Amino acid sequence: MSVPPAVARWTTTFIVDESRHELPDPIVVEEPLEIWLAGPEGDSRSRLAVTLRSPGHDRELAAGLLYAEGIVESAADIAAVVAATEGHELQNVGRLEVRLAATLPRSGGAGRPFLSTSACGACGKEALDAAFATGFPSLPPGPRLTAGLLQSLPERMRSAQAIFEQTGGLHAAGLFSPDGELLVLREDVGRHNAVDKVVGALLLGGRLPAGETVLALSGRAGFELVQKALRAGIPVLAAVGAPSSLALRLAARAGMTLAGFVRPGRCNLYSGAERVV
């Protein structure tokens, strides 16, 4: 069986009681990816971001990030995506060049380069104002879902996390229908990367806004994750961990249902409780 690009082997000493063994241990891969913007012919290049991510679904990651930043509004705004790998003294640095359609304005978000880490997508932005994206679609009054279904989503997502099963070192974002069908699942060492990959898959598939869906997160619900979900038109966000105060204010203002500490038999509804019956 082939090893996924997000998984590597590391010789590890295992100590169990008084017994020592050296075995190859599956570990999650974390590598930098440079995302560049260019014209449709590869001209006028500019670097948008450097993100630390788990390799795989990089095209979706770039598309989701550009959509979250308000640089593109549809898949038609992306003329092509060209990938290359450049050598580095210590590791491979991936490079992805997103060539924008000729009719797309090159102002606004394209002029805001930032460093995106696997810890927090907003950490490298130059000013707090740059963290607030615009262009949120109006959220629908639905979907309606039962509390039991909402509480089951993290376990449903966990059972589909093939790479986490091997490494134990990945976050996940899973998009579900109101009846609990898993529509899209993406794993990544970065929480925001996992969400960008989900949104990128929807963007490239022409499925935005995603108004009748629920997004489940394997970790906490930070401000930027709420922002990315709102930008995609997702009205319900369910997180295993806690939300932040800024995330709560944004969700409440937008009319999003934000649930935290979601697990079998319990959850906290911080906003939009009317969607959960």
Protein backbone atom coordinates (compact mmCIF):
# COMPACT_ATOMS: atom_id res chain seq x y z
CA MET A 1 0.00 0.00 0.00
CA SER A 2 1.40 3.40 -0.99
CA VAL A 3 2.19 5.93 1.72
CA PRO A 4 0.19 9.21 1.45
CA PRO A 5 2.31 12.36 0.89
CA ALA A 6 1.24 13.63 4.32
CA VAL A 7 2.81 10.62 6.05
CA ALA A 8 6.51 9.84 6.58
CA ARG A 9 8.41 7.14 8.49
CA TRP A 10 10.70 7.98 11.39
CA THR A 11 12.85 5.43 13.19
CA THR A 12 11.63 5.59 16.78
CA THR A 13 12.66 3.86 19.99
CA PHE A 14 9.62 2.41 21.74
CA ILE A 15 9.93 1.59 25.45
CA VAL A 16 7.22 -0.65 26.86
CA ASP A 17 7.83 -1.68 30.47
CA GLU A 18 11.52 -2.72 30.31
CA SER A 19 11.53 -3.68 26.65
CA ARG A 20 13.04 -1.41 23.95
CA HIS A 21 12.35 -1.71 20.24
CA GLU A 22 13.33 0.39 17.24
CA LEU A 23 10.62 0.56 14.62
CA PRO A 24 9.61 2.91 11.80
CA ASP A 25 6.83 5.11 13.16
CA PRO A 26 4.34 6.92 10.88
CA ILE A 27 4.52 10.67 11.45
CA VAL A 28 2.63 13.54 9.89
CA VAL A 29 4.54 15.62 7.32
CA GLU A 30 4.73 19.39 7.84
CA GLU A 31 6.34 21.30 4.97
CA PRO A 32 6.18 24.89 3.71
CA LEU A 33 4.20 25.84 0.63
CA GLU A 34 4.67 29.14 -1.16
CA ILE A 35 1.57 30.43 -2.91
CA TRP A 36 2.21 32.92 -5.69
CA LEU A 37 -0.21 34.96 -7.78
CA ALA A 38 0.37 35.64 -11.46
CA GLY A 39 -1.40 36.77 -14.60
CA PRO A 40 -2.92 34.20 -16.98
CA GLU A 41 0.39 33.82 -18.84
CA GLY A 42 2.50 33.59 -15.69
CA ASP A 43 3.47 37.28 -15.73
CA SER A 44 3.38 39.86 -12.91
CA ARG A 45 4.15 37.34 -10.20
CA SER A 46 3.78 38.22 -6.55
CA ARG A 47 4.02 36.03 -3.46
CA LEU A 48 0.79 35.89 -1.49
CA ALA A 49 1.59 33.53 1.38
CA VAL A 50 3.88 30.93 2.86
CA THR A 51 1.97 28.30 4.77
CA LEU A 52 3.11 25.27 6.71
CA ARG A 53 0.86 22.44 5.67
CA SER A 54 0.57 18.70 5.17
CA PRO A 55 1.17 17.91 1.46
CA GLY A 56 -1.91 16.87 -0.45
CA HIS A 57 -4.88 18.77 -1.90
CA ASP A 58 -2.58 21.78 -2.37
CA ARG A 59 -4.65 23.12 -5.27
CA GLU A 60 -7.72 23.16 -3.05
CA LEU A 61 -5.72 24.78 -0.26
CA ALA A 62 -4.62 27.63 -2.55
CA ALA A 63 -8.11 28.10 -3.99
CA GLY A 64 -9.70 28.12 -0.55
CA LEU A 65 -7.18 30.63 0.77
CA LEU A 66 -7.72 32.96 -2.20
CA TYR A 67 -11.47 32.71 -1.73
CA ALA A 68 -11.23 33.36 2.01
CA GLU A 69 -9.10 36.44 1.30
CA GLY A 70 -11.62 37.80 -1.22
CA ILE A 71 -9.11 37.59 -4.09
CA VAL A 72 -11.33 35.28 -6.17
CA GLU A 73 -15.09 34.85 -6.20
CA SER A 74 -15.46 31.72 -8.31
CA ALA A 75 -13.44 29.00 -10.03
CA ALA A 76 -13.67 31.05 -13.24
CA ASP A 77 -11.35 33.62 -11.66
CA ILE A 78 -8.57 31.02 -11.62
CA ALA A 79 -7.05 30.51 -15.07
CA ALA A 80 -4.57 27.79 -14.03
CA VAL A 81 -2.60 26.40 -11.13
CA VAL A 82 1.03 25.52 -11.81
CA ALA A 83 3.00 23.52 -9.23
CA ALA A 84 6.78 23.30 -8.81
CA THR A 85 9.19 22.11 -6.12
CA GLU A 86 12.31 24.08 -5.31
CA GLY A 87 15.25 22.81 -3.32
CA HIS A 88 16.09 24.20 0.09
CA GLU A 89 19.04 23.59 2.37
CA LEU A 90 17.00 21.63 4.91
CA GLN A 91 13.76 20.57 3.23
CA ASN A 92 11.65 20.73 0.12
CA VAL A 93 9.78 23.97 -0.29
CA GLY A 94 6.70 23.53 -2.46
CA ARG A 95 5.64 26.34 -4.72
CA LEU A 96 2.20 26.76 -6.21
CA GLU A 97 1.54 29.48 -8.77
CA VAL A 98 -2.08 30.51 -9.16
CA ARG A 99 -2.64 32.25 -12.46
CA LEU A 100 -5.59 34.59 -12.26
CA ALA A 101 -8.04 35.32 -15.05
CA ALA A 102 -7.18 38.43 -17.07
CA THR A 103 -10.43 40.17 -16.13
CA LEU A 104 -9.86 39.81 -12.40
CA PRO A 105 -8.90 43.06 -10.61
CA ARG A 106 -5.46 42.80 -9.02
CA SER A 107 -6.23 45.16 -6.15
CA GLY A 108 -7.41 44.50 -2.61
CA GLY A 109 -6.33 41.20 -1.17
CA ALA A 110 -3.63 40.50 -3.74
CA GLY A 111 -1.55 43.29 -2.27
CA ARG A 112 -1.41 41.83 1.22
CA PRO A 113 1.37 39.26 1.50
CA PHE A 114 1.47 37.38 4.79
CA LEU A 115 3.00 34.41 6.53
CA SER A 116 0.52 31.67 7.33
CA THR A 117 1.66 29.09 9.86
CA SER A 118 0.18 25.74 10.79
CA ALA A 119 -0.87 27.22 14.13
CA CYS A 120 -2.96 30.21 13.10
CA GLY A 121 -3.72 31.54 9.65
CA ALA A 122 -3.85 35.17 10.82
CA CYS A 123 -0.59 35.13 12.78
CA GLY A 124 1.58 36.72 10.10
CA LYS A 125 -0.79 39.39 8.85
CA GLU A 126 0.62 42.88 9.01
CA ALA A 127 -2.38 44.52 10.69
CA LEU A 128 -5.52 43.37 12.45
CA ASP A 129 -7.66 45.08 9.80
CA ALA A 130 -6.17 42.70 7.23
CA ALA A 131 -7.65 39.76 9.14
CA PHE A 132 -11.24 40.80 8.38
CA ALA A 133 -12.43 39.49 5.03
CA THR A 134 -15.44 41.02 3.32
CA GLY A 135 -18.11 39.67 1.05
CA PHE A 136 -19.91 37.26 3.37
CA PRO A 137 -23.02 35.81 1.70
CA SER A 138 -26.28 35.99 3.62
CA LEU A 139 -26.82 32.88 5.71
CA PRO A 140 -30.07 30.93 5.19
CA PRO A 141 -32.46 30.28 8.11
CA GLY A 142 -31.71 26.54 7.83
CA PRO A 143 -30.61 23.88 7.94
CA ARG A 144 -32.40 22.39 10.91
CA LEU A 145 -30.73 19.44 12.62
CA THR A 146 -31.25 17.48 15.78
CA ALA A 147 -29.00 17.85 18.79
CA GLY A 148 -28.15 14.15 18.59
CA LEU A 149 -26.98 14.45 15.01
CA LEU A 150 -24.91 17.53 15.81
CA GLN A 151 -23.28 15.73 18.73
CA SER A 152 -22.40 12.75 16.52
CA LEU A 153 -20.50 14.73 13.87
CA PRO A 154 -17.00 14.67 15.48
CA GLU A 155 -17.11 10.87 15.76
CA ARG A 156 -18.41 10.54 12.20
CA MET A 157 -15.54 12.73 11.03
CA ARG A 158 -13.00 10.89 13.18
CA SER A 159 -13.95 7.53 11.67
CA ALA A 160 -13.06 8.90 8.20
CA GLN A 161 -9.65 10.35 9.16
CA ALA A 162 -7.37 7.82 7.51
CA ILE A 163 -4.15 9.80 7.97
CA PHE A 164 -4.90 10.64 11.61
CA GLU A 165 -5.43 6.93 12.17
CA GLN A 166 -1.79 6.35 11.11
CA THR A 167 -0.10 9.36 12.69
CA GLY A 168 -2.32 10.88 15.39
CA GLY A 169 -0.97 14.29 14.38
CA LEU A 170 -3.54 15.98 12.17
CA HIS A 171 -6.49 18.30 12.39
CA ALA A 172 -9.55 17.74 10.25
CA ALA A 173 -12.48 19.65 8.80
CA GLY A 174 -15.53 17.76 7.65
CA LEU A 175 -18.49 19.10 5.71
CA PHE A 176 -21.79 17.34 6.37
CA SER A 177 -25.32 17.45 5.05
CA PRO A 178 -28.15 18.13 7.55
CA ASP A 179 -28.83 14.37 7.73
CA GLY A 180 -25.22 13.55 8.63
CA GLU A 181 -23.81 12.53 5.24
CA LEU A 182 -20.09 13.31 5.00
CA LEU A 183 -19.64 15.44 1.87
CA VAL A 184 -15.99 16.53 2.07
CA LEU A 185 -13.22 15.66 4.53
CA ARG A 186 -9.74 17.15 4.55
CA GLU A 187 -6.88 16.62 7.01
CA ASP A 188 -3.91 18.88 7.62
CA VAL A 189 -1.36 19.73 10.29
CA GLY A 190 -2.95 23.20 10.34
CA ARG A 191 -6.56 23.76 11.37
CA HIS A 192 -7.03 26.67 8.99
CA ASN A 193 -5.43 24.69 6.15
CA ALA A 194 -7.94 21.88 6.60
CA VAL A 195 -10.81 24.38 6.30
CA ASP A 196 -9.21 26.07 3.28
CA LYS A 197 -8.97 22.68 1.57
CA VAL A 198 -12.65 22.00 2.19
CA VAL A 199 -13.67 25.44 0.92
CA GLY A 200 -11.29 25.10 -2.04
CA ALA A 201 -12.91 21.79 -3.00
CA LEU A 202 -16.32 23.46 -2.92
CA LEU A 203 -15.08 26.46 -4.91
CA LEU A 204 -13.46 24.38 -7.64
CA GLY A 205 -16.53 22.16 -7.77
CA GLY A 206 -18.90 25.10 -8.19
CA ARG A 207 -20.68 24.36 -4.91
CA LEU A 208 -20.49 27.75 -3.15
CA PRO A 209 -22.21 29.13 -1.19
CA ALA A 210 -22.79 25.99 0.87
CA GLY A 211 -25.93 27.12 2.67
CA GLU A 212 -27.38 23.71 3.55
CA THR A 213 -24.29 22.25 5.21
CA VAL A 214 -22.59 21.86 8.58
CA LEU A 215 -18.83 22.21 9.09
CA ALA A 216 -17.23 20.12 11.84
CA LEU A 217 -13.79 20.96 13.26
CA SER A 218 -11.48 18.64 15.17
CA GLY A 219 -10.15 21.46 17.39
CA ARG A 220 -11.21 24.82 18.73
CA ALA A 221 -13.24 27.43 16.85
CA GLY A 222 -11.04 30.48 16.39
CA PHE A 223 -12.01 33.74 14.71
CA GLU A 224 -10.45 32.96 11.35
CA LEU A 225 -12.12 29.56 11.08
CA VAL A 226 -15.50 31.18 11.67
CA GLN A 227 -14.62 33.80 9.08
CA LYS A 228 -13.68 31.17 6.49
CA ALA A 229 -16.93 29.26 7.10
CA LEU A 230 -18.99 32.45 6.80
CA ARG A 231 -17.25 33.39 3.58
CA ALA A 232 -18.30 29.99 2.19
CA GLY A 233 -21.89 30.58 3.33
CA ILE A 234 -21.81 27.70 5.84
CA PRO A 235 -24.44 28.44 8.54
CA VAL A 236 -23.52 25.85 11.16
CA LEU A 237 -20.08 25.29 12.71
CA ALA A 238 -19.49 22.47 15.20
CA ALA A 239 -16.15 22.32 17.02
CA VAL A 240 -14.71 19.73 19.37
CA GLY A 241 -12.98 22.50 21.32
CA ALA A 242 -13.86 25.93 22.64
CA PRO A 243 -14.60 29.11 20.67
CA SER A 244 -12.80 32.38 21.22
CA SER A 245 -14.54 35.63 22.16
CA LEU A 246 -13.83 37.20 18.77
CA ALA A 247 -15.16 34.11 17.00
CA LEU A 248 -18.35 34.30 19.08
CA ARG A 249 -18.91 37.96 18.30
CA LEU A 250 -18.47 37.36 14.58
CA ALA A 251 -20.74 34.29 14.54
CA ALA A 252 -23.47 36.02 16.52
CA ARG A 253 -23.35 39.12 14.33
CA ALA A 254 -23.63 36.99 11.17
CA GLY A 255 -26.39 34.72 12.48
CA MET A 256 -24.24 31.58 12.41
CA THR A 257 -24.92 28.60 14.65
CA LEU A 258 -21.69 28.02 16.56
CA ALA A 259 -21.39 24.94 18.76
CA GLY A 260 -18.40 24.09 20.94
CA PHE A 261 -17.31 21.14 23.06
CA VAL A 262 -19.30 18.90 20.72
CA ARG A 263 -19.21 15.23 21.64
CA PRO A 264 -21.69 12.37 22.10
CA GLY A 265 -24.43 13.42 24.48
CA ARG A 266 -23.47 17.08 24.87
CA CYS A 267 -22.59 20.36 23.17
CA ASN A 268 -22.63 24.07 23.95
CA LEU A 269 -24.63 26.32 21.60
CA TYR A 270 -23.14 29.82 21.71
CA SER A 271 -25.19 31.37 18.90
CA GLY A 272 -27.90 30.42 16.44
CA ALA A 273 -29.45 27.82 18.76
CA GLU A 274 -32.71 27.94 16.77
CA ARG A 275 -31.22 25.70 14.06
CA VAL A 276 -30.77 22.84 16.54
CA VAL A 277 -33.99 21.08 17.53
